[in-house]
Amino acid sequence: MALDLRFPLAADLLIPHRPPMALIDFLLESNDNYGVATVDLHEKAVPLLGNTLHPAAYVEIAAQAYAAMRGYCILQQGLPLQPGFLVGINRFVVSNQVGPDDRLRIEVETVTEIDRFYVANARLFLEEGELVASGGFRVFSPPAADVQGRGV
């Protein structure tokens, strides 16, 4: 039976994360280099710093949105999902605080790919359109055979 890859796609079809670590909800659109995802923080176990989202959570949300975009591209080719690991962060800036009841729209794009290393950018917006965080990150995606059986 073929997988239905029409948008919006539930993130759990595209990323390896499971609750409580799974943060994004849906992939709304995607192509080879760009994707848009959403997260409703209301019923998530999000890390907080006081009453606002912990700064590291913005990066994790962005990385999961990127994983969903890559997962979509991989599944479109009829291939099994590949593991990916966040290996670096570049100039990630939180410009506005987000609370545990907010909804976010995440835009991610690939800047470049070099031998299974991906350099990407992300912008996170409140549902109303206000930019709350942006920055770059790097992901390494080893061949699946290299990580099988290692609890990844």
Protein backbone atom coordinates (compact mmCIF):
# COMPACT_ATOMS: atom_id res chain seq x y z
CA MET A 1 0.00 0.00 0.00
CA ALA A 2 1.41 3.37 -1.04
CA LEU A 3 1.90 6.08 1.52
CA ASP A 4 -0.35 9.12 1.00
CA LEU A 5 2.02 12.09 0.71
CA ARG A 6 -0.55 14.89 0.34
CA PHE A 7 -0.23 18.00 2.52
CA PRO A 8 -0.67 18.59 5.37
CA LEU A 9 1.34 15.56 6.48
CA ALA A 10 1.51 14.41 10.09
CA ALA A 11 5.09 14.84 11.28
CA ASP A 12 5.19 11.39 12.88
CA LEU A 13 5.26 9.91 9.34
CA LEU A 14 8.41 11.87 8.53
CA ILE A 15 10.58 12.13 11.64
CA PRO A 16 11.95 9.52 14.07
CA HIS A 17 11.04 11.53 17.17
CA ARG A 18 8.22 10.30 19.40
CA PRO A 19 6.55 11.91 22.42
CA PRO A 20 7.65 13.56 24.54
CA MET A 21 10.53 14.58 22.24
CA ALA A 22 8.40 15.02 19.09
CA LEU A 23 7.54 18.71 18.90
CA ILE A 24 6.33 19.55 15.40
CA ASP A 25 2.84 18.57 14.27
CA PHE A 26 2.53 18.91 10.49
CA LEU A 27 4.52 19.50 7.34
CA LEU A 28 2.43 21.94 5.28
CA GLU A 29 4.54 22.15 2.15
CA SER A 30 7.91 20.96 0.91
CA ASN A 31 10.21 20.53 -2.04
CA ASP A 32 13.84 19.48 -2.32
CA ASN A 33 15.20 22.59 -0.60
CA TYR A 34 12.35 24.26 1.30
CA GLY A 35 9.69 23.23 3.78
CA VAL A 36 7.06 24.68 6.09
CA ALA A 37 5.95 22.97 9.31
CA THR A 38 3.76 23.86 12.28
CA VAL A 39 3.79 23.22 15.99
CA ASP A 40 1.08 23.84 18.56
CA LEU A 41 2.97 24.06 21.84
CA HIS A 42 -0.16 23.78 24.00
CA GLU A 43 -0.09 20.05 24.73
CA LYS A 44 3.63 19.44 24.28
CA ALA A 45 6.24 18.74 26.91
CA VAL A 46 8.29 21.74 25.78
CA PRO A 47 11.27 22.86 27.81
CA LEU A 48 10.49 26.16 29.50
CA LEU A 49 12.58 28.83 31.13
CA GLY A 50 10.08 30.48 33.45
CA ASN A 51 6.95 30.97 31.34
CA THR A 52 8.69 31.08 27.97
CA LEU A 53 10.19 28.55 25.63
CA HIS A 54 13.77 27.63 26.48
CA PRO A 55 16.18 29.04 23.84
CA ALA A 56 17.43 25.56 22.90
CA ALA A 57 13.87 24.47 22.08
CA TYR A 58 13.74 26.86 19.11
CA VAL A 59 16.72 25.07 17.58
CA GLU A 60 15.19 21.64 18.22
CA ILE A 61 11.90 22.71 16.64
CA ALA A 62 13.77 24.02 13.59
CA ALA A 63 15.80 20.80 13.31
CA GLN A 64 12.64 18.68 13.50
CA ALA A 65 11.00 20.79 10.79
CA TYR A 66 14.08 20.21 8.64
CA ALA A 67 13.94 16.47 9.37
CA ALA A 68 10.31 16.44 8.21
CA MET A 69 11.24 18.25 4.98
CA ARG A 70 14.07 15.79 4.29
CA GLY A 71 11.85 12.85 5.27
CA TYR A 72 9.23 13.96 2.76
CA CYS A 73 11.83 14.18 -0.03
CA ILE A 74 13.18 10.74 0.83
CA LEU A 75 9.74 9.10 0.95
CA GLN A 76 8.80 10.69 -2.39
CA GLN A 77 11.71 8.77 -3.90
CA GLY A 78 10.37 5.52 -2.43
CA LEU A 79 13.34 5.20 -0.07
CA PRO A 80 13.32 4.40 3.66
CA LEU A 81 13.77 7.29 6.07
CA GLN A 82 17.38 8.09 6.93
CA PRO A 83 18.74 9.12 10.33
CA GLY A 84 20.00 12.64 10.83
CA PHE A 85 21.91 14.31 13.64
CA LEU A 86 22.06 17.99 14.56
CA VAL A 87 25.79 18.71 14.65
CA GLY A 88 26.05 22.49 14.74
CA ILE A 89 24.24 25.79 15.25
CA ASN A 90 25.12 29.05 13.53
CA ARG A 91 23.89 32.49 14.63
CA PHE A 92 20.56 31.30 15.98
CA VAL A 93 18.80 34.37 17.39
CA VAL A 94 15.66 34.44 19.50
CA SER A 95 14.05 37.80 18.79
CA ASN A 96 10.77 37.35 20.66
CA GLN A 97 9.63 35.08 23.49
CA VAL A 98 7.09 32.32 22.96
CA GLY A 99 4.81 30.86 25.61
CA PRO A 100 3.61 27.30 26.10
CA ASP A 101 0.22 28.04 24.49
CA ASP A 102 1.52 29.53 21.23
CA ARG A 103 1.42 28.09 17.72
CA LEU A 104 4.43 28.43 15.43
CA ARG A 105 5.07 28.25 11.70
CA ILE A 106 8.57 27.07 10.82
CA GLU A 107 10.22 27.70 7.46
CA VAL A 108 13.38 25.73 6.69
CA GLU A 109 15.64 25.67 3.68
CA THR A 110 18.78 23.89 2.59
CA VAL A 111 21.67 26.26 1.93
CA THR A 112 24.09 23.60 0.75
CA GLU A 113 24.74 19.87 0.92
CA ILE A 114 28.22 18.37 1.03
CA ASP A 115 28.56 14.59 1.20
CA ARG A 116 25.69 13.89 3.65
CA PHE A 117 26.27 17.14 5.60
CA TYR A 118 23.47 19.67 5.23
CA VAL A 119 23.69 23.36 6.04
CA ALA A 120 20.24 24.83 6.62
CA ASN A 121 18.48 28.00 7.73
CA ALA A 122 15.24 28.35 9.67
CA ARG A 123 12.79 31.08 10.55
CA LEU A 124 10.14 30.57 13.22
CA PHE A 125 7.02 32.73 13.28
CA LEU A 126 4.09 33.10 15.60
CA GLU A 127 0.82 32.06 13.99
CA GLU A 128 0.06 35.78 13.44
CA GLY A 129 3.25 36.18 11.38
CA GLU A 130 5.67 37.76 13.86
CA LEU A 131 9.25 36.46 13.55
CA VAL A 132 10.39 34.92 16.87
CA ALA A 133 13.65 33.16 15.99
CA SER A 134 15.98 32.54 13.08
CA GLY A 135 19.35 31.07 12.37
CA GLY A 136 21.35 28.33 10.79
CA PHE A 137 22.26 24.79 11.71
CA ARG A 138 24.07 21.75 10.34
CA VAL A 139 22.84 18.18 10.08
CA PHE A 140 24.77 14.99 9.35
CA SER A 141 22.87 12.10 7.79
CA PRO A 142 24.95 8.90 7.82
CA PRO A 143 23.90 5.89 5.78
CA ALA A 144 21.19 3.99 7.68
CA ALA A 145 23.39 0.88 7.84
CA ASP A 146 25.95 2.83 9.91
CA VAL A 147 23.48 3.41 12.77
CA GLN A 148 21.21 0.36 12.70
CA GLY A 149 21.01 -1.48 15.99
CA ARG A 150 22.53 1.39 17.96
CA GLY A 151 19.34 2.74 19.50
CA VAL A 152 19.11 5.75 17.19
